Amino acid sequence: ELVASVSSIGRTNYADSVKGRFTISRDNAKNMVYLQM
């Protein structure tokens, strides 16, 4: 199942079960994505 996603311009989407607890972010310069839980 999808937990979280982030678009190329930073728009985010979260599963209802993790909203308010998880945060997704990305660093385009480093080609990295993170999930803070």
Full PDB file with SEQRES, HELIX, SHEET, SSBOND, CRYST1, ORIGX, SCALE, CONECT and MASTER records, all heavy atoms in Angstrom:
SEQRES   1 A   37  GLU LEU VAL ALA SER VAL SER SER ILE GLY ARG THR ASN          
SEQRES   2 A   37  TYR ALA ASP SER VAL LYS GLY ARG PHE THR ILE SER ARG          
SEQRES   3 A   37  ASP ASN ALA LYS ASN MET VAL TYR LEU GLN MET                  
HELIX    1 AA1 ASP A   16  VAL A   18  5                                   3    
SHEET    1 AA1 2 ALA A   4  VAL A   6  0                                        
SHEET    2 AA1 2 THR A  12  TYR A  14 -1                                        
SHEET    1 AA2 2 THR A  23  ASP A  27  0                                        
SHEET    2 AA2 2 MET A  32  GLN A  36 -1                                        
CRYST1    1.000    1.000    1.000  90.00  90.00  90.00 P 1           1          
ORIGX1      1.000000  0.000000  0.000000        0.00000                         
ORIGX2      0.000000  1.000000  0.000000        0.00000                         
ORIGX3      0.000000  0.000000  1.000000        0.00000                         
SCALE1      1.000000  0.000000  0.000000        0.00000                         
SCALE2      0.000000  1.000000  0.000000        0.00000                         
SCALE3      0.000000  0.000000  1.000000        0.00000                         
ATOM      1  N   GLU A   1       0.810  -1.204   0.000  1.00  0.00           N  
ATOM      2  CA  GLU A   1       0.000   0.000   0.000  1.00  0.00           C  
ATOM      3  C   GLU A   1       0.849   1.262   0.000  1.00  0.00           C  
ATOM      4  O   GLU A   1       1.972   1.284   0.511  1.00  0.00           O  
ATOM      5  CB  GLU A   1      -0.927   0.019   1.222  1.00  0.00           C  
ATOM      6  CG  GLU A   1      -0.193   0.089   2.556  1.00  0.00           C  
ATOM      7  CD  GLU A   1      -1.118   0.209   3.750  1.00  0.00           C  
ATOM      8  OE1 GLU A   1      -2.336   0.416   3.557  1.00  0.00           O  
ATOM      9  OE2 GLU A   1      -0.621   0.096   4.889  1.00  0.00           O  
ATOM     10  N   LEU A   2       0.289   2.316  -0.571  1.00  0.00           N  
ATOM     11  CA  LEU A   2       0.966   3.608  -0.589  1.00  0.00           C  
ATOM     12  C   LEU A   2       0.932   4.229   0.798  1.00  0.00           C  
ATOM     13  O   LEU A   2      -0.123   4.317   1.420  1.00  0.00           O  
ATOM     14  CB  LEU A   2       0.297   4.544  -1.589  1.00  0.00           C  
ATOM     15  CG  LEU A   2       0.833   5.978  -1.627  1.00  0.00           C  
ATOM     16  CD1 LEU A   2       2.251   6.000  -2.183  1.00  0.00           C  
ATOM     17  CD2 LEU A   2      -0.077   6.867  -2.473  1.00  0.00           C  
ATOM     18  N   VAL A   3       2.084   4.682   1.260  1.00  0.00           N  
ATOM     19  CA  VAL A   3       2.190   5.353   2.544  1.00  0.00           C  
ATOM     20  C   VAL A   3       2.197   6.857   2.336  1.00  0.00           C  
ATOM     21  O   VAL A   3       1.448   7.597   2.978  1.00  0.00           O  
ATOM     22  CB  VAL A   3       3.464   4.928   3.303  1.00  0.00           C  
ATOM     23  CG1 VAL A   3       3.605   5.713   4.604  1.00  0.00           C  
ATOM     24  CG2 VAL A   3       3.436   3.433   3.584  1.00  0.00           C  
ATOM     25  N   ALA A   4       3.062   7.323   1.448  1.00  0.00           N  
ATOM     26  CA  ALA A   4       3.181   8.746   1.170  1.00  0.00           C  
ATOM     27  C   ALA A   4       3.875   8.955  -0.163  1.00  0.00           C  
ATOM     28  O   ALA A   4       4.671   8.128  -0.599  1.00  0.00           O  
ATOM     29  CB  ALA A   4       3.958   9.451   2.280  1.00  0.00           C  
ATOM     30  N   SER A   5       3.579  10.069  -0.811  1.00  0.00           N  
ATOM     31  CA  SER A   5       4.237  10.419  -2.060  1.00  0.00           C  
ATOM     32  C   SER A   5       4.468  11.916  -2.104  1.00  0.00           C  
ATOM     33  O   SER A   5       3.794  12.685  -1.413  1.00  0.00           O  
ATOM     34  CB  SER A   5       3.405   9.974  -3.266  1.00  0.00           C  
ATOM     35  OG  SER A   5       2.168  10.655  -3.317  1.00  0.00           O  
ATOM     36  N   VAL A   6       5.420  12.316  -2.922  1.00  0.00           N  
ATOM     37  CA  VAL A   6       5.729  13.731  -3.085  1.00  0.00           C  
ATOM     38  C   VAL A   6       6.037  13.993  -4.556  1.00  0.00           C  
ATOM     39  O   VAL A   6       6.797  13.255  -5.187  1.00  0.00           O  
ATOM     40  CB  VAL A   6       6.903  14.171  -2.173  1.00  0.00           C  
ATOM     41  CG1 VAL A   6       8.153  13.331  -2.430  1.00  0.00           C  
ATOM     42  CG2 VAL A   6       7.196  15.648  -2.355  1.00  0.00           C  
ATOM     43  N   SER A   7       5.430  15.030  -5.113  1.00  0.00           N  
ATOM     44  CA  SER A   7       5.621  15.364  -6.513  1.00  0.00           C  
ATOM     45  C   SER A   7       6.920  16.120  -6.718  1.00  0.00           C  
ATOM     46  O   SER A   7       7.618  16.475  -5.772  1.00  0.00           O  
ATOM     47  CB  SER A   7       4.448  16.199  -7.025  1.00  0.00           C  
ATOM     48  OG  SER A   7       4.519  17.524  -6.530  1.00  0.00           O  
ATOM     49  N   SER A   8       7.233  16.397  -7.982  1.00  0.00           N  
ATOM     50  CA  SER A   8       8.457  17.119  -8.313  1.00  0.00           C  
ATOM     51  C   SER A   8       8.468  18.546  -7.778  1.00  0.00           C  
ATOM     52  O   SER A   8       9.537  19.134  -7.622  1.00  0.00           O  
ATOM     53  CB  SER A   8       8.664  17.139  -9.827  1.00  0.00           C  
ATOM     54  OG  SER A   8       7.589  17.789 -10.481  1.00  0.00           O  
ATOM     55  N   ILE A   9       7.288  19.095  -7.505  1.00  0.00           N  
ATOM     56  CA  ILE A   9       7.214  20.447  -6.965  1.00  0.00           C  
ATOM     57  C   ILE A   9       6.878  20.472  -5.481  1.00  0.00           C  
ATOM     58  O   ILE A   9       6.566  21.523  -4.926  1.00  0.00           O  
ATOM     59  CB  ILE A   9       6.207  21.318  -7.744  1.00  0.00           C  
ATOM     60  CG1 ILE A   9       4.804  20.724  -7.678  1.00  0.00           C  
ATOM     61  CG2 ILE A   9       6.659  21.494  -9.190  1.00  0.00           C  
ATOM     62  CD1 ILE A   9       3.735  21.633  -8.258  1.00  0.00           C  
ATOM     63  N   GLY A  10       6.930  19.319  -4.838  1.00  0.00           N  
ATOM     64  CA  GLY A  10       6.764  19.268  -3.404  1.00  0.00           C  
ATOM     65  C   GLY A  10       5.381  19.007  -2.858  1.00  0.00           C  
ATOM     66  O   GLY A  10       5.181  19.043  -1.634  1.00  0.00           O  
ATOM     67  N   ARG A  11       4.412  18.730  -3.708  1.00  0.00           N  
ATOM     68  CA  ARG A  11       3.074  18.416  -3.212  1.00  0.00           C  
ATOM     69  C   ARG A  11       3.074  17.004  -2.646  1.00  0.00           C  
ATOM     70  O   ARG A  11       3.622  16.085  -3.248  1.00  0.00           O  
ATOM     71  CB  ARG A  11       2.039  18.536  -4.323  1.00  0.00           C  
ATOM     72  CG  ARG A  11       1.886  19.946  -4.868  1.00  0.00           C  
ATOM     73  CD  ARG A  11       0.651  20.114  -5.715  1.00  0.00           C  
ATOM     74  NE  ARG A  11      -0.560  19.997  -4.917  1.00  0.00           N  
ATOM     75  CZ  ARG A  11      -1.787  20.199  -5.389  1.00  0.00           C  
ATOM     76  NH1 ARG A  11      -1.957  20.543  -6.663  1.00  0.00           N  
ATOM     77  NH2 ARG A  11      -2.828  20.060  -4.596  1.00  0.00           N  
ATOM     78  N   THR A  12       2.443  16.843  -1.491  1.00  0.00           N  
ATOM     79  CA  THR A  12       2.469  15.561  -0.800  1.00  0.00           C  
ATOM     80  C   THR A  12       1.100  14.913  -0.690  1.00  0.00           C  
ATOM     81  O   THR A  12       0.063  15.577  -0.743  1.00  0.00           O  
ATOM     82  CB  THR A  12       3.046  15.720   0.618  1.00  0.00           C  
ATOM     83  OG1 THR A  12       2.257  16.669   1.352  1.00  0.00           O  
ATOM     84  CG2 THR A  12       4.480  16.215   0.558  1.00  0.00           C  
ATOM     85  N   ASN A  13       1.128  13.598  -0.523  1.00  0.00           N  
ATOM     86  CA  ASN A  13      -0.080  12.813  -0.355  1.00  0.00           C  
ATOM     87  C   ASN A  13       0.227  11.722   0.662  1.00  0.00           C  
ATOM     88  O   ASN A  13       1.288  11.102   0.606  1.00  0.00           O  
ATOM     89  CB  ASN A  13      -0.515  12.204  -1.683  1.00  0.00           C  
ATOM     90  CG  ASN A  13      -1.819  11.452  -1.572  1.00  0.00           C  
ATOM     91  OD1 ASN A  13      -2.768  11.928  -0.964  1.00  0.00           O  
ATOM     92  ND2 ASN A  13      -1.872  10.265  -2.169  1.00  0.00           N  
ATOM     93  N   TYR A  14      -0.707  11.498   1.602  1.00  0.00           N  
ATOM     94  CA  TYR A  14      -0.493  10.515   2.656  1.00  0.00           C  
ATOM     95  C   TYR A  14      -1.668   9.566   2.797  1.00  0.00           C  
ATOM     96  O   TYR A  14      -2.821   9.947   2.573  1.00  0.00           O  
ATOM     97  CB  TYR A  14      -0.292  11.197   4.006  1.00  0.00           C  
ATOM     98  CG  TYR A  14       0.923  12.072   4.105  1.00  0.00           C  
ATOM     99  CD1 TYR A  14       0.851  13.428   3.812  1.00  0.00           C  
ATOM    100  CD2 TYR A  14       2.152  11.541   4.498  1.00  0.00           C  
ATOM    101  CE1 TYR A  14       1.970  14.241   3.910  1.00  0.00           C  
ATOM    102  CE2 TYR A  14       3.275  12.343   4.597  1.00  0.00           C  
ATOM    103  CZ  TYR A  14       3.179  13.693   4.305  1.00  0.00           C  
ATOM    104  OH  TYR A  14       4.295  14.494   4.405  1.00  0.00           O  
ATOM    105  N   ALA A  15      -1.369   8.350   3.198  1.00  0.00           N  
ATOM    106  CA  ALA A  15      -2.423   7.424   3.573  1.00  0.00           C  
ATOM    107  C   ALA A  15      -3.081   7.968   4.835  1.00  0.00           C  
ATOM    108  O   ALA A  15      -2.411   8.561   5.686  1.00  0.00           O  
ATOM    109  CB  ALA A  15      -1.852   6.041   3.841  1.00  0.00           C  
ATOM    110  N   ASP A  16      -4.375   7.775   4.962  1.00  0.00           N  
ATOM    111  CA  ASP A  16      -5.095   8.309   6.112  1.00  0.00           C  
ATOM    112  C   ASP A  16      -4.528   7.787   7.436  1.00  0.00           C  
ATOM    113  O   ASP A  16      -4.525   8.502   8.440  1.00  0.00           O  
ATOM    114  CB  ASP A  16      -6.576   7.954   6.004  1.00  0.00           C  
ATOM    115  CG  ASP A  16      -7.420   8.620   7.071  1.00  0.00           C  
ATOM    116  OD1 ASP A  16      -7.486   9.859   7.085  1.00  0.00           O  
ATOM    117  OD2 ASP A  16      -8.003   7.897   7.903  1.00  0.00           O  
ATOM    118  N   SER A  17      -4.040   6.572   7.428  1.00  0.00           N  
ATOM    119  CA  SER A  17      -3.533   5.953   8.644  1.00  0.00           C  
ATOM    120  C   SER A  17      -2.252   6.587   9.188  1.00  0.00           C  
ATOM    121  O   SER A  17      -1.905   6.373  10.353  1.00  0.00           O  
ATOM    122  CB  SER A  17      -3.296   4.462   8.415  1.00  0.00           C  
ATOM    123  OG  SER A  17      -2.340   4.253   7.389  1.00  0.00           O  
ATOM    124  N   VAL A  18      -1.554   7.361   8.362  1.00  0.00           N  
ATOM    125  CA  VAL A  18      -0.296   7.958   8.807  1.00  0.00           C  
ATOM    126  C   VAL A  18      -0.320   9.476   8.837  1.00  0.00           C  
ATOM    127  O   VAL A  18       0.674  10.099   9.255  1.00  0.00           O  
ATOM    128  CB  VAL A  18       0.889   7.491   7.933  1.00  0.00           C  
ATOM    129  CG1 VAL A  18       0.932   5.974   7.863  1.00  0.00           C  
ATOM    130  CG2 VAL A  18       0.814   8.093   6.536  1.00  0.00           C  
ATOM    131  N   LYS A  19      -1.407  10.088   8.444  1.00  0.00           N  
ATOM    132  CA  LYS A  19      -1.498  11.541   8.444  1.00  0.00           C  
ATOM    133  C   LYS A  19      -1.279  12.105   9.848  1.00  0.00           C  
ATOM    134  O   LYS A  19      -1.833  11.610  10.815  1.00  0.00           O  
ATOM    135  CB  LYS A  19      -2.862  11.992   7.911  1.00  0.00           C  
ATOM    136  CG  LYS A  19      -3.021  11.844   6.416  1.00  0.00           C  
ATOM    137  CD  LYS A  19      -4.380  12.363   5.946  1.00  0.00           C  
ATOM    138  CE  LYS A  19      -4.513  12.240   4.440  1.00  0.00           C  
ATOM    139  NZ  LYS A  19      -5.847  12.704   3.968  1.00  0.00           N  
ATOM    140  N   GLY A  20      -0.458  13.132   9.918  1.00  0.00           N  
ATOM    141  CA  GLY A  20      -0.158  13.747  11.194  1.00  0.00           C  
ATOM    142  C   GLY A  20       0.990  13.104  11.929  1.00  0.00           C  
ATOM    143  O   GLY A  20       1.488  13.662  12.915  1.00  0.00           O  
ATOM    144  N   ARG A  21       1.435  11.931  11.471  1.00  0.00           N  
ATOM    145  CA  ARG A  21       2.525  11.217  12.130  1.00  0.00           C  
ATOM    146  C   ARG A  21       3.763  11.085  11.243  1.00  0.00           C  
ATOM    147  O   ARG A  21       4.891  11.126  11.729  1.00  0.00           O  
ATOM    148  CB  ARG A  21       2.075   9.820  12.557  1.00  0.00           C  
ATOM    149  CG  ARG A  21       0.914   9.822  13.539  1.00  0.00           C  
ATOM    150  CD  ARG A  21       0.635   8.421  14.083  1.00  0.00           C  
ATOM    151  NE  ARG A  21       0.249   7.492  13.019  1.00  0.00           N  
ATOM    152  CZ  ARG A  21       0.924   6.384  12.704  1.00  0.00           C  
ATOM    153  NH1 ARG A  21       2.028   6.071  13.372  1.00  0.00           N  
ATOM    154  NH2 ARG A  21       0.497   5.590  11.743  1.00  0.00           N  
ATOM    155  N   PHE A  22       3.544  10.913   9.945  1.00  0.00           N  
ATOM    156  CA  PHE A  22       4.649  10.738   8.997  1.00  0.00           C  
ATOM    157  C   PHE A  22       4.818  11.991   8.143  1.00  0.00           C  
ATOM    158  O   PHE A  22       3.839  12.676   7.824  1.00  0.00           O  
ATOM    159  CB  PHE A  22       4.386   9.560   8.062  1.00  0.00           C  
ATOM    160  CG  PHE A  22       4.428   8.203   8.711  1.00  0.00           C  
ATOM    161  CD1 PHE A  22       4.478   8.052  10.085  1.00  0.00           C  
ATOM    162  CD2 PHE A  22       4.418   7.064   7.919  1.00  0.00           C  
ATOM    163  CE1 PHE A  22       4.510   6.797  10.676  1.00  0.00           C  
ATOM    164  CE2 PHE A  22       4.454   5.802   8.491  1.00  0.00           C  
ATOM    165  CZ  PHE A  22       4.497   5.668   9.875  1.00  0.00           C  
ATOM    166  N   THR A  23       6.049  12.257   7.748  1.00  0.00           N  
ATOM    167  CA  THR A  23       6.341  13.369   6.862  1.00  0.00           C  
ATOM    168  C   THR A  23       7.290  12.919   5.762  1.00  0.00           C  
ATOM    169  O   THR A  23       8.356  12.381   6.039  1.00  0.00           O  
ATOM    170  CB  THR A  23       6.984  14.543   7.625  1.00  0.00           C  
ATOM    171  OG1 THR A  23       6.111  14.989   8.666  1.00  0.00           O  
ATOM    172  CG2 THR A  23       7.243  15.714   6.671  1.00  0.00           C  
ATOM    173  N   ILE A  24       6.887  13.143   4.512  1.00  0.00           N  
ATOM    174  CA  ILE A  24       7.743  12.803   3.383  1.00  0.00           C  
ATOM    175  C   ILE A  24       8.401  14.076   2.860  1.00  0.00           C  
ATOM    176  O   ILE A  24       7.784  15.142   2.836  1.00  0.00           O  
ATOM    177  CB  ILE A  24       6.947  12.095   2.261  1.00  0.00           C  
ATOM    178  CG1 ILE A  24       7.894  11.575   1.171  1.00  0.00           C  
ATOM    179  CG2 ILE A  24       5.892  13.020   1.661  1.00  0.00           C  
ATOM    180  CD1 ILE A  24       7.217  10.664   0.153  1.00  0.00           C  
ATOM    181  N   SER A  25       9.646  13.966   2.454  1.00  0.00           N  
ATOM    182  CA  SER A  25      10.367  15.102   1.903  1.00  0.00           C  
ATOM    183  C   SER A  25      11.376  14.598   0.877  1.00  0.00           C  
ATOM    184  O   SER A  25      11.674  13.401   0.824  1.00  0.00           O  
ATOM    185  CB  SER A  25      11.072  15.899   3.004  1.00  0.00           C  
ATOM    186  OG  SER A  25      12.022  15.101   3.678  1.00  0.00           O  
ATOM    187  N   ARG A  26      11.898  15.512   0.065  1.00  0.00           N  
ATOM    188  CA  ARG A  26      12.876  15.113  -0.946  1.00  0.00           C  
ATOM    189  C   ARG A  26      13.945  16.169  -1.123  1.00  0.00           C  
ATOM    190  O   ARG A  26      13.732  17.351  -0.835  1.00  0.00           O  
ATOM    191  CB  ARG A  26      12.184  14.830  -2.284  1.00  0.00           C  
ATOM    192  CG  ARG A  26      11.501  16.039  -2.909  1.00  0.00           C  
ATOM    193  CD  ARG A  26      10.645  15.637  -4.112  1.00  0.00           C  
ATOM    194  NE  ARG A  26      11.454  15.219  -5.252  1.00  0.00           N  
ATOM    195  CZ  ARG A  26      10.953  14.676  -6.362  1.00  0.00           C  
ATOM    196  NH1 ARG A  26       9.646  14.460  -6.459  1.00  0.00           N  
ATOM    197  NH2 ARG A  26      11.772  14.333  -7.356  1.00  0.00           N  
ATOM    198  N   ASP A  27      15.081  15.735  -1.609  1.00  0.00           N  
ATOM    199  CA  ASP A  27      16.190  16.616  -1.922  1.00  0.00           C  
ATOM    200  C   ASP A  27      16.521  16.353  -3.382  1.00  0.00           C  
ATOM    201  O   ASP A  27      17.179  15.360  -3.711  1.00  0.00           O  
ATOM    202  CB  ASP A  27      17.389  16.319  -1.022  1.00  0.00           C  
ATOM    203  CG  ASP A  27      18.529  17.304  -1.224  1.00  0.00           C  
ATOM    204  OD1 ASP A  27      18.658  17.871  -2.324  1.00  0.00           O  
ATOM    205  OD2 ASP A  27      19.303  17.506  -0.271  1.00  0.00           O  
ATOM    206  N   ASN A  28      16.051  17.216  -4.257  1.00  0.00           N  
ATOM    207  CA  ASN A  28      16.234  17.009  -5.692  1.00  0.00           C  
ATOM    208  C   ASN A  28      17.697  17.043  -6.125  1.00  0.00           C  
ATOM    209  O   ASN A  28      18.090  16.350  -7.060  1.00  0.00           O  
ATOM    210  CB  ASN A  28      15.440  18.051  -6.475  1.00  0.00           C  
ATOM    211  CG  ASN A  28      13.944  17.865  -6.335  1.00  0.00           C  
ATOM    212  OD1 ASN A  28      13.455  16.750  -6.136  1.00  0.00           O  
ATOM    213  ND2 ASN A  28      13.197  18.952  -6.446  1.00  0.00           N  
ATOM    214  N   ALA A  29      18.492  17.853  -5.457  1.00  0.00           N  
ATOM    215  CA  ALA A  29      19.910  17.951  -5.800  1.00  0.00           C  
ATOM    216  C   ALA A  29      20.658  16.658  -5.506  1.00  0.00           C  
ATOM    217  O   ALA A  29      21.656  16.345  -6.154  1.00  0.00           O  
ATOM    218  CB  ALA A  29      20.556  19.113  -5.058  1.00  0.00           C  
ATOM    219  N   LYS A  30      20.175  15.904  -4.520  1.00  0.00           N  
ATOM    220  CA  LYS A  30      20.827  14.659  -4.127  1.00  0.00           C  
ATOM    221  C   LYS A  30      20.086  13.416  -4.615  1.00  0.00           C  
ATOM    222  O   LYS A  30      20.520  12.298  -4.347  1.00  0.00           O  
ATOM    223  CB  LYS A  30      20.959  14.594  -2.610  1.00  0.00           C  
ATOM    224  CG  LYS A  30      21.850  15.671  -2.020  1.00  0.00           C  
ATOM    225  CD  LYS A  30      21.939  15.525  -0.507  1.00  0.00           C  
ATOM    226  CE  LYS A  30      22.851  16.569   0.099  1.00  0.00           C  
ATOM    227  NZ  LYS A  30      22.931  16.428   1.569  1.00  0.00           N  
ATOM    228  N   ASN A  31      18.965  13.612  -5.304  1.00  0.00           N  
ATOM    229  CA  ASN A  31      18.128  12.498  -5.767  1.00  0.00           C  
ATOM    230  C   ASN A  31      17.726  11.595  -4.603  1.00  0.00           C  
ATOM    231  O   ASN A  31      17.806  10.365  -4.687  1.00  0.00           O  
ATOM    232  CB  ASN A  31      18.851  11.673  -6.834  1.00  0.00           C  
ATOM    233  CG  ASN A  31      18.947  12.388  -8.164  1.00  0.00           C  
ATOM    234  OD1 ASN A  31      18.205  13.335  -8.436  1.00  0.00           O  
ATOM    235  ND2 ASN A  31      19.862  11.945  -9.012  1.00  0.00           N  
ATOM    236  N   MET A  32      17.293  12.226  -3.522  1.00  0.00           N  
ATOM    237  CA  MET A  32      16.907  11.471  -2.340  1.00  0.00           C  
ATOM    238  C   MET A  32      15.499  11.810  -1.868  1.00  0.00           C  
ATOM    239  O   MET A  32      15.005  12.914  -2.084  1.00  0.00           O  
ATOM    240  CB  MET A  32      17.888  11.719  -1.197  1.00  0.00           C  
ATOM    241  CG  MET A  32      19.298  11.233  -1.478  1.00  0.00           C  
ATOM    242  SD  MET A  32      20.361  11.252  -0.011  1.00  0.00           S  
ATOM    243  CE  MET A  32      19.631   9.906   0.943  1.00  0.00           C  
ATOM    244  N   VAL A  33      14.876  10.854  -1.216  1.00  0.00           N  
ATOM    245  CA  VAL A  33      13.575  11.039  -0.603  1.00  0.00           C  
ATOM    246  C   VAL A  33      13.640  10.456   0.800  1.00  0.00           C  
ATOM    247  O   VAL A  33      14.330   9.466   1.039  1.00  0.00           O  
ATOM    248  CB  VAL A  33      12.447  10.382  -1.435  1.00  0.00           C  
ATOM    249  CG1 VAL A  33      12.639   8.867  -1.523  1.00  0.00           C  
ATOM    250  CG2 VAL A  33      11.084  10.734  -0.862  1.00  0.00           C  
ATOM    251  N   TYR A  34      12.921  11.086   1.727  1.00  0.00           N  
ATOM    252  CA  TYR A  34      12.961  10.690   3.123  1.00  0.00           C  
ATOM    253  C   TYR A  34      11.554  10.465   3.662  1.00  0.00           C  
ATOM    254  O   TYR A  34      10.586  11.024   3.163  1.00  0.00           O  
ATOM    255  CB  TYR A  34      13.632  11.769   3.977  1.00  0.00           C  
ATOM    256  CG  TYR A  34      14.974  12.219   3.461  1.00  0.00           C  
ATOM    257  CD1 TYR A  34      15.075  13.275   2.554  1.00  0.00           C  
ATOM    258  CD2 TYR A  34      16.151  11.602   3.878  1.00  0.00           C  
ATOM    259  CE1 TYR A  34      16.306  13.696   2.077  1.00  0.00           C  
ATOM    260  CE2 TYR A  34      17.381  12.013   3.406  1.00  0.00           C  
ATOM    261  CZ  TYR A  34      17.461  13.061   2.512  1.00  0.00           C  
ATOM    262  OH  TYR A  34      18.686  13.476   2.042  1.00  0.00           O  
ATOM    263  N   LEU A  35      11.467   9.673   4.703  1.00  0.00           N  
ATOM    264  CA  LEU A  35      10.203   9.476   5.394  1.00  0.00           C  
ATOM    265  C   LEU A  35      10.470   9.552   6.884  1.00  0.00           C  
ATOM    266  O   LEU A  35      11.082   8.656   7.459  1.00  0.00           O  
ATOM    267  CB  LEU A  35       9.569   8.126   5.046  1.00  0.00           C  
ATOM    268  CG  LEU A  35       8.179   7.890   5.639  1.00  0.00           C  
ATOM    269  CD1 LEU A  35       7.168   8.855   5.012  1.00  0.00           C  
ATOM    270  CD2 LEU A  35       7.736   6.447   5.432  1.00  0.00           C  
ATOM    271  N   GLN A  36      10.023  10.643   7.502  1.00  0.00           N  
ATOM    272  CA  GLN A  36      10.155  10.812   8.936  1.00  0.00           C  
ATOM    273  C   GLN A  36       8.908  10.234   9.591  1.00  0.00           C  
ATOM    274  O   GLN A  36       7.802  10.697   9.321  1.00  0.00           O  
ATOM    275  CB  GLN A  36      10.307  12.293   9.289  1.00  0.00           C  
ATOM    276  CG  GLN A  36      10.462  12.573  10.774  1.00  0.00           C  
ATOM    277  CD  GLN A  36      11.774  12.058  11.333  1.00  0.00           C  
ATOM    278  OE1 GLN A  36      12.844  12.347  10.808  1.00  0.00           O  
ATOM    279  NE2 GLN A  36      11.701  11.276  12.408  1.00  0.00           N  
ATOM    280  N   MET A  37       9.100   9.252  10.437  1.00  0.00           N  
ATOM    281  CA  MET A  37       7.989   8.570  11.086  1.00  0.00           C  
ATOM    282  C   MET A  37       8.023   8.844  12.586  1.00  0.00           C  
ATOM    283  O   MET A  37       9.029   8.598  13.247  1.00  0.00           O  
ATOM    284  CB  MET A  37       8.055   7.067  10.825  1.00  0.00           C  
ATOM    285  CG  MET A  37       8.094   6.700   9.343  1.00  0.00           C  
ATOM    286  SD  MET A  37       8.096   4.908   9.057  1.00  0.00           S  
ATOM    287  CE  MET A  37       9.736   4.499   9.668  1.00  0.00           C  
TER     288      MET A  37                                                      
MASTER        0    0    0    1    4    0    0    6  287    1    0    3          
END                                                                             
